[in-house]
Amino acid sequence: MTIKNVIFDFGGVLVDWNVRYLLKDYFKTEAETMAFLNKISFEEWNSSLDWGYPFAKSIVELQEKFPEYFDLFQRFYDDWEQMLGGCFTKTVALIEKLKEDGYALYGLTNWSAETFPIAYNKYPVFKNFDAIAVSGAEKLAKPDERFYRILLDRYDLNPEECIFIDDRQDNIETANKLGIHGIVFDNEDTIEAKVYAALK
């Protein structure tokens, strides 16, 4: 079946988002940074935002639990944009090429509904997308297949006519299970060749 739609994950595929960009002002070594992130269960905390937990409330809870980092957690909220390292230029070029070639473009992203608009408004490349499903707004996140179905059903997409690009294998596996052709993003240098090979 002919591919008509290309679905992109954003964090790690299009946008270089990393909390370390903000933390470099606080910790001198990677070991210190990792110790801090492990102490506060950063991955779990960030995942809760992806699932729609209120950002401000989550910051207050961190400040109450770890008062020694009170000011740093406030910066998580006030200076969140400093965690953005820009967009991957070759992914941007791929998106623009796909758009020119007539493919419909969609986003399926695990992202807080409160912070995603910051990135959306900062980077013009997002205007190329026909529609975007944001996990924080839907209160569902990858790899839960219900999140994928929201995008498919809302825009009447046939899974067999879709390619999905993501940097996590578990997210790709769910896409494949639903009949979507999944492509693992390893780096921006190889992704265009992978996508256009799948489009043939």
C-alpha atoms as a PDB file:
ATOM      1  CA  MET A   1       0.000   0.000   0.000  1.00  0.00           C
ATOM      2  CA  THR A   2       1.223   3.504  -0.845  1.00  0.00           C
ATOM      3  CA  ILE A   3       2.557   5.611   2.014  1.00  0.00           C
ATOM      4  CA  LYS A   4       0.719   8.933   2.263  1.00  0.00           C
ATOM      5  CA  ASN A   5       1.512  10.082   5.802  1.00  0.00           C
ATOM      6  CA  VAL A   6       4.701  10.499   7.820  1.00  0.00           C
ATOM      7  CA  ILE A   7       4.348  10.741  11.603  1.00  0.00           C
ATOM      8  CA  PHE A   8       7.177  12.211  13.652  1.00  0.00           C
ATOM      9  CA  ASP A   9       8.118  11.984  17.282  1.00  0.00           C
ATOM     10  CA  PHE A  10       9.703  15.296  18.324  1.00  0.00           C
ATOM     11  CA  GLY A  11      12.005  15.024  21.356  1.00  0.00           C
ATOM     12  CA  GLY A  12      15.276  13.428  20.243  1.00  0.00           C
ATOM     13  CA  VAL A  13      14.125  13.274  16.613  1.00  0.00           C
ATOM     14  CA  LEU A  14      13.403  16.875  15.676  1.00  0.00           C
ATOM     15  CA  VAL A  15      14.087  18.850  18.847  1.00  0.00           C
ATOM     16  CA  ASP A  16      17.247  18.597  20.919  1.00  0.00           C
ATOM     17  CA  TRP A  17      15.702  18.782  24.394  1.00  0.00           C
ATOM     18  CA  ASN A  18      17.887  17.996  27.385  1.00  0.00           C
ATOM     19  CA  VAL A  19      17.604  19.037  31.018  1.00  0.00           C
ATOM     20  CA  ARG A  20      21.419  19.078  31.161  1.00  0.00           C
ATOM     21  CA  TYR A  21      21.478  22.356  29.240  1.00  0.00           C
ATOM     22  CA  LEU A  22      19.984  24.002  32.316  1.00  0.00           C
ATOM     23  CA  LEU A  23      21.837  21.893  34.883  1.00  0.00           C
ATOM     24  CA  LYS A  24      25.290  22.819  33.544  1.00  0.00           C
ATOM     25  CA  ASP A  25      25.065  25.989  35.642  1.00  0.00           C
ATOM     26  CA  TYR A  26      24.727  23.884  38.812  1.00  0.00           C
ATOM     27  CA  PHE A  27      26.812  20.725  38.470  1.00  0.00           C
ATOM     28  CA  LYS A  28      30.419  20.482  37.319  1.00  0.00           C
ATOM     29  CA  THR A  29      30.539  16.824  36.285  1.00  0.00           C
ATOM     30  CA  GLU A  30      28.278  14.293  34.594  1.00  0.00           C
ATOM     31  CA  ALA A  31      28.510  12.127  37.717  1.00  0.00           C
ATOM     32  CA  GLU A  32      27.109  14.942  39.860  1.00  0.00           C
ATOM     33  CA  THR A  33      24.374  15.580  37.313  1.00  0.00           C
ATOM     34  CA  MET A  34      23.381  11.920  37.186  1.00  0.00           C
ATOM     35  CA  ALA A  35      23.361  11.658  40.979  1.00  0.00           C
ATOM     36  CA  PHE A  36      20.947  14.601  41.127  1.00  0.00           C
ATOM     37  CA  LEU A  37      18.669  13.244  38.397  1.00  0.00           C
ATOM     38  CA  ASN A  38      18.554   9.833  40.044  1.00  0.00           C
ATOM     39  CA  LYS A  39      17.890  11.346  43.452  1.00  0.00           C
ATOM     40  CA  ILE A  40      14.815  13.229  42.268  1.00  0.00           C
ATOM     41  CA  SER A  41      13.647  10.394  39.945  1.00  0.00           C
ATOM     42  CA  PHE A  42      13.767  12.787  37.024  1.00  0.00           C
ATOM     43  CA  GLU A  43      12.570  10.342  34.362  1.00  0.00           C
ATOM     44  CA  GLU A  44       9.511   9.458  36.421  1.00  0.00           C
ATOM     45  CA  TRP A  45       8.823  13.125  37.125  1.00  0.00           C
ATOM     46  CA  ASN A  46       9.150  14.120  33.479  1.00  0.00           C
ATOM     47  CA  SER A  47       6.946  11.222  32.409  1.00  0.00           C
ATOM     48  CA  SER A  48       4.194  12.481  34.712  1.00  0.00           C
ATOM     49  CA  LEU A  49       4.235  15.783  32.816  1.00  0.00           C
ATOM     50  CA  ASP A  50       3.961  13.883  29.533  1.00  0.00           C
ATOM     51  CA  TRP A  51       0.825  12.252  30.925  1.00  0.00           C
ATOM     52  CA  GLY A  52      -0.694  15.616  31.733  1.00  0.00           C
ATOM     53  CA  TYR A  53       0.220  16.218  35.375  1.00  0.00           C
ATOM     54  CA  PRO A  54       0.123  19.973  36.149  1.00  0.00           C
ATOM     55  CA  PHE A  55       3.586  21.480  35.777  1.00  0.00           C
ATOM     56  CA  ALA A  56       3.323  24.061  38.571  1.00  0.00           C
ATOM     57  CA  LYS A  57       1.989  21.480  41.004  1.00  0.00           C
ATOM     58  CA  SER A  58       4.816  19.094  40.171  1.00  0.00           C
ATOM     59  CA  ILE A  59       7.392  21.816  40.858  1.00  0.00           C
ATOM     60  CA  VAL A  60       5.909  22.591  44.271  1.00  0.00           C
ATOM     61  CA  GLU A  61       5.998  18.897  45.146  1.00  0.00           C
ATOM     62  CA  LEU A  62       9.676  18.666  44.190  1.00  0.00           C
ATOM     63  CA  GLN A  63      10.476  21.765  46.235  1.00  0.00           C
ATOM     64  CA  GLU A  64       8.727  20.308  49.268  1.00  0.00           C
ATOM     65  CA  LYS A  65      10.478  16.958  48.924  1.00  0.00           C
ATOM     66  CA  PHE A  66      13.938  18.364  48.147  1.00  0.00           C
ATOM     67  CA  PRO A  67      14.060  21.881  49.649  1.00  0.00           C
ATOM     68  CA  GLU A  68      17.817  22.071  49.166  1.00  0.00           C
ATOM     69  CA  TYR A  69      17.118  22.439  45.416  1.00  0.00           C
ATOM     70  CA  PHE A  70      14.236  24.880  45.792  1.00  0.00           C
ATOM     71  CA  ASP A  71      15.677  27.547  43.470  1.00  0.00           C
ATOM     72  CA  LEU A  72      16.796  25.014  40.871  1.00  0.00           C
ATOM     73  CA  PHE A  73      13.316  23.517  40.630  1.00  0.00           C
ATOM     74  CA  GLN A  74      11.885  26.985  40.199  1.00  0.00           C
ATOM     75  CA  ARG A  75      14.177  27.363  37.213  1.00  0.00           C
ATOM     76  CA  PHE A  76      12.767  24.105  35.808  1.00  0.00           C
ATOM     77  CA  TYR A  77       9.534  26.075  35.555  1.00  0.00           C
ATOM     78  CA  ASP A  78      10.668  29.648  34.881  1.00  0.00           C
ATOM     79  CA  ASP A  79      13.580  28.857  32.552  1.00  0.00           C
ATOM     80  CA  TRP A  80      12.312  25.670  30.925  1.00  0.00           C
ATOM     81  CA  GLU A  81      13.189  27.053  27.491  1.00  0.00           C
ATOM     82  CA  GLN A  82      16.886  26.762  28.381  1.00  0.00           C
ATOM     83  CA  MET A  83      16.473  22.983  28.097  1.00  0.00           C
ATOM     84  CA  LEU A  84      15.954  23.427  24.356  1.00  0.00           C
ATOM     85  CA  GLY A  85      19.106  23.018  22.285  1.00  0.00           C
ATOM     86  CA  GLY A  86      17.510  23.767  18.936  1.00  0.00           C
ATOM     87  CA  CYS A  87      16.285  21.532  16.110  1.00  0.00           C
ATOM     88  CA  PHE A  88      18.304  18.908  14.261  1.00  0.00           C
ATOM     89  CA  THR A  89      19.008  20.589  10.939  1.00  0.00           C
ATOM     90  CA  LYS A  90      18.846  17.428   8.819  1.00  0.00           C
ATOM     91  CA  THR A  91      15.527  16.429  10.342  1.00  0.00           C
ATOM     92  CA  VAL A  92      14.210  19.889   9.537  1.00  0.00           C
ATOM     93  CA  ALA A  93      15.427  19.489   5.954  1.00  0.00           C
ATOM     94  CA  LEU A  94      13.750  16.074   5.725  1.00  0.00           C
ATOM     95  CA  ILE A  95      10.440  17.487   6.956  1.00  0.00           C
ATOM     96  CA  GLU A  96      10.575  20.300   4.422  1.00  0.00           C
ATOM     97  CA  LYS A  97      11.425  17.852   1.622  1.00  0.00           C
ATOM     98  CA  LEU A  98       8.575  15.513   2.555  1.00  0.00           C
ATOM     99  CA  LYS A  99       6.197  18.452   2.595  1.00  0.00           C
ATOM    100  CA  GLU A 100       7.357  19.551  -0.860  1.00  0.00           C
ATOM    101  CA  ASP A 101       6.923  15.981  -2.109  1.00  0.00           C
ATOM    102  CA  GLY A 102       3.274  16.035  -1.063  1.00  0.00           C
ATOM    103  CA  TYR A 103       3.254  13.842   2.031  1.00  0.00           C
ATOM    104  CA  ALA A 104       0.965  14.696   4.928  1.00  0.00           C
ATOM    105  CA  LEU A 105       2.941  15.278   8.121  1.00  0.00           C
ATOM    106  CA  TYR A 106       1.780  14.527  11.637  1.00  0.00           C
ATOM    107  CA  GLY A 107       3.305  14.730  15.098  1.00  0.00           C
ATOM    108  CA  LEU A 108       2.857  12.208  17.902  1.00  0.00           C
ATOM    109  CA  THR A 109       4.799  13.497  20.861  1.00  0.00           C
ATOM    110  CA  ASN A 110       5.220  12.733  24.545  1.00  0.00           C
ATOM    111  CA  TRP A 111       5.335  16.303  25.841  1.00  0.00           C
ATOM    112  CA  SER A 112       3.735  18.443  28.502  1.00  0.00           C
ATOM    113  CA  ALA A 113       0.796  20.355  27.070  1.00  0.00           C
ATOM    114  CA  GLU A 114       2.037  23.375  29.029  1.00  0.00           C
ATOM    115  CA  THR A 115       5.558  23.507  27.576  1.00  0.00           C
ATOM    116  CA  PHE A 116       4.990  22.214  24.052  1.00  0.00           C
ATOM    117  CA  PRO A 117       3.612  25.594  22.858  1.00  0.00           C
ATOM    118  CA  ILE A 118       6.960  27.179  23.825  1.00  0.00           C
ATOM    119  CA  ALA A 119       8.816  24.942  21.386  1.00  0.00           C
ATOM    120  CA  TYR A 120       6.052  25.174  18.774  1.00  0.00           C
ATOM    121  CA  ASN A 121       6.226  28.942  18.702  1.00  0.00           C
ATOM    122  CA  LYS A 122      10.033  29.001  18.835  1.00  0.00           C
ATOM    123  CA  TYR A 123      10.720  26.767  15.814  1.00  0.00           C
ATOM    124  CA  PRO A 124       9.035  27.535  12.458  1.00  0.00           C
ATOM    125  CA  VAL A 125       9.435  23.917  11.279  1.00  0.00           C
ATOM    126  CA  PHE A 126       6.354  22.949  13.291  1.00  0.00           C
ATOM    127  CA  LYS A 127       4.177  24.922  10.872  1.00  0.00           C
ATOM    128  CA  ASN A 128       4.828  22.174   8.291  1.00  0.00           C
ATOM    129  CA  PHE A 129       2.694  19.697  10.225  1.00  0.00           C
ATOM    130  CA  ASP A 130      -0.902  19.038   9.284  1.00  0.00           C
ATOM    131  CA  ALA A 131      -1.754  18.068  12.863  1.00  0.00           C
ATOM    132  CA  ILE A 132      -0.025  17.178  16.130  1.00  0.00           C
ATOM    133  CA  ALA A 133      -1.176  14.999  19.041  1.00  0.00           C
ATOM    134  CA  VAL A 134       0.455  16.018  22.336  1.00  0.00           C
ATOM    135  CA  SER A 135       0.402  13.443  25.120  1.00  0.00           C
ATOM    136  CA  GLY A 136      -0.059  15.966  27.914  1.00  0.00           C
ATOM    137  CA  ALA A 137      -3.215  17.263  26.273  1.00  0.00           C
ATOM    138  CA  GLU A 138      -4.606  13.790  25.633  1.00  0.00           C
ATOM    139  CA  LYS A 139      -3.638  12.360  29.052  1.00  0.00           C
ATOM    140  CA  LEU A 140      -2.121   9.391  27.222  1.00  0.00           C
ATOM    141  CA  ALA A 141       1.471   8.785  26.143  1.00  0.00           C
ATOM    142  CA  LYS A 142       3.573   6.442  24.039  1.00  0.00           C
ATOM    143  CA  PRO A 143       3.979   3.520  24.025  1.00  0.00           C
ATOM    144  CA  ASP A 144       0.285   3.178  25.023  1.00  0.00           C
ATOM    145  CA  GLU A 145      -1.455   2.232  21.796  1.00  0.00           C
ATOM    146  CA  ARG A 146      -4.508   4.294  22.746  1.00  0.00           C
ATOM    147  CA  PHE A 147      -2.457   7.436  22.159  1.00  0.00           C
ATOM    148  CA  TYR A 148      -1.582   6.310  18.616  1.00  0.00           C
ATOM    149  CA  ARG A 149      -5.231   5.512  17.948  1.00  0.00           C
ATOM    150  CA  ILE A 150      -6.220   9.068  18.875  1.00  0.00           C
ATOM    151  CA  LEU A 151      -4.123  10.387  16.003  1.00  0.00           C
ATOM    152  CA  LEU A 152      -5.222   7.680  13.569  1.00  0.00           C
ATOM    153  CA  ASP A 153      -8.922   8.006  14.370  1.00  0.00           C
ATOM    154  CA  ARG A 154      -9.084  11.784  14.637  1.00  0.00           C
ATOM    155  CA  TYR A 155      -7.548  12.318  11.208  1.00  0.00           C
ATOM    156  CA  ASP A 156      -8.891   9.155   9.566  1.00  0.00           C
ATOM    157  CA  LEU A 157      -5.440   7.748   8.869  1.00  0.00           C
ATOM    158  CA  ASN A 158      -4.979   4.235   7.523  1.00  0.00           C
ATOM    159  CA  PRO A 159      -2.085   2.718   9.534  1.00  0.00           C
ATOM    160  CA  GLU A 160      -0.757   0.928   6.459  1.00  0.00           C
ATOM    161  CA  GLU A 161      -0.399   4.289   4.719  1.00  0.00           C
ATOM    162  CA  CYS A 162       1.730   5.722   7.549  1.00  0.00           C
ATOM    163  CA  ILE A 163       5.388   5.806   8.517  1.00  0.00           C
ATOM    164  CA  PHE A 164       6.271   6.583  12.127  1.00  0.00           C
ATOM    165  CA  ILE A 165       9.711   7.859  13.190  1.00  0.00           C
ATOM    166  CA  ASP A 166      10.757   7.657  16.841  1.00  0.00           C
ATOM    167  CA  ASP A 167      14.012   7.281  18.763  1.00  0.00           C
ATOM    168  CA  ARG A 168      12.652   4.646  21.157  1.00  0.00           C
ATOM    169  CA  GLN A 169      12.321   1.013  20.204  1.00  0.00           C
ATOM    170  CA  ASP A 170       9.300   0.393  22.459  1.00  0.00           C
ATOM    171  CA  ASN A 171       7.402   3.197  20.735  1.00  0.00           C
ATOM    172  CA  ILE A 172       8.260   1.739  17.330  1.00  0.00           C
ATOM    173  CA  GLU A 173       7.061  -1.686  18.416  1.00  0.00           C
ATOM    174  CA  THR A 174       3.633  -0.309  19.295  1.00  0.00           C
ATOM    175  CA  ALA A 175       3.432   1.423  15.919  1.00  0.00           C
ATOM    176  CA  ASN A 176       4.302  -1.822  14.138  1.00  0.00           C
ATOM    177  CA  LYS A 177       1.682  -3.676  16.166  1.00  0.00           C
ATOM    178  CA  LEU A 178      -0.936  -1.245  14.873  1.00  0.00           C
ATOM    179  CA  GLY A 179       0.141  -1.751  11.271  1.00  0.00           C
ATOM    180  CA  ILE A 180       2.212   1.434  10.989  1.00  0.00           C
ATOM    181  CA  HIS A 181       5.663   1.131   9.412  1.00  0.00           C
ATOM    182  CA  GLY A 182       8.019   2.158  12.232  1.00  0.00           C
ATOM    183  CA  ILE A 183      11.507   3.564  11.701  1.00  0.00           C
ATOM    184  CA  VAL A 184      13.966   3.903  14.574  1.00  0.00           C
ATOM    185  CA  PHE A 185      15.761   7.250  14.575  1.00  0.00           C
ATOM    186  CA  ASP A 186      19.423   6.639  15.433  1.00  0.00           C
ATOM    187  CA  ASN A 187      20.816   9.935  14.180  1.00  0.00           C
ATOM    188  CA  GLU A 188      19.998  12.753  11.795  1.00  0.00           C
ATOM    189  CA  ASP A 189      22.604  11.667   9.227  1.00  0.00           C
ATOM    190  CA  THR A 190      20.812   8.417   8.340  1.00  0.00           C
ATOM    191  CA  ILE A 191      17.136   9.213   8.762  1.00  0.00           C
ATOM    192  CA  GLU A 192      16.426  10.634   5.292  1.00  0.00           C
ATOM    193  CA  ALA A 193      17.773   7.537   3.554  1.00  0.00           C
ATOM    194  CA  LYS A 194      15.735   5.289   5.856  1.00  0.00           C
ATOM    195  CA  VAL A 195      12.531   7.208   5.254  1.00  0.00           C
ATOM    196  CA  TYR A 196      12.841   7.418   1.491  1.00  0.00           C
ATOM    197  CA  ALA A 197      13.751   3.735   1.294  1.00  0.00           C
ATOM    198  CA  ALA A 198      10.485   2.972   3.098  1.00  0.00           C
ATOM    199  CA  LEU A 199       8.545   5.250   0.764  1.00  0.00           C
ATOM    200  CA  LYS A 200       9.567   3.322  -2.364  1.00  0.00           C
END
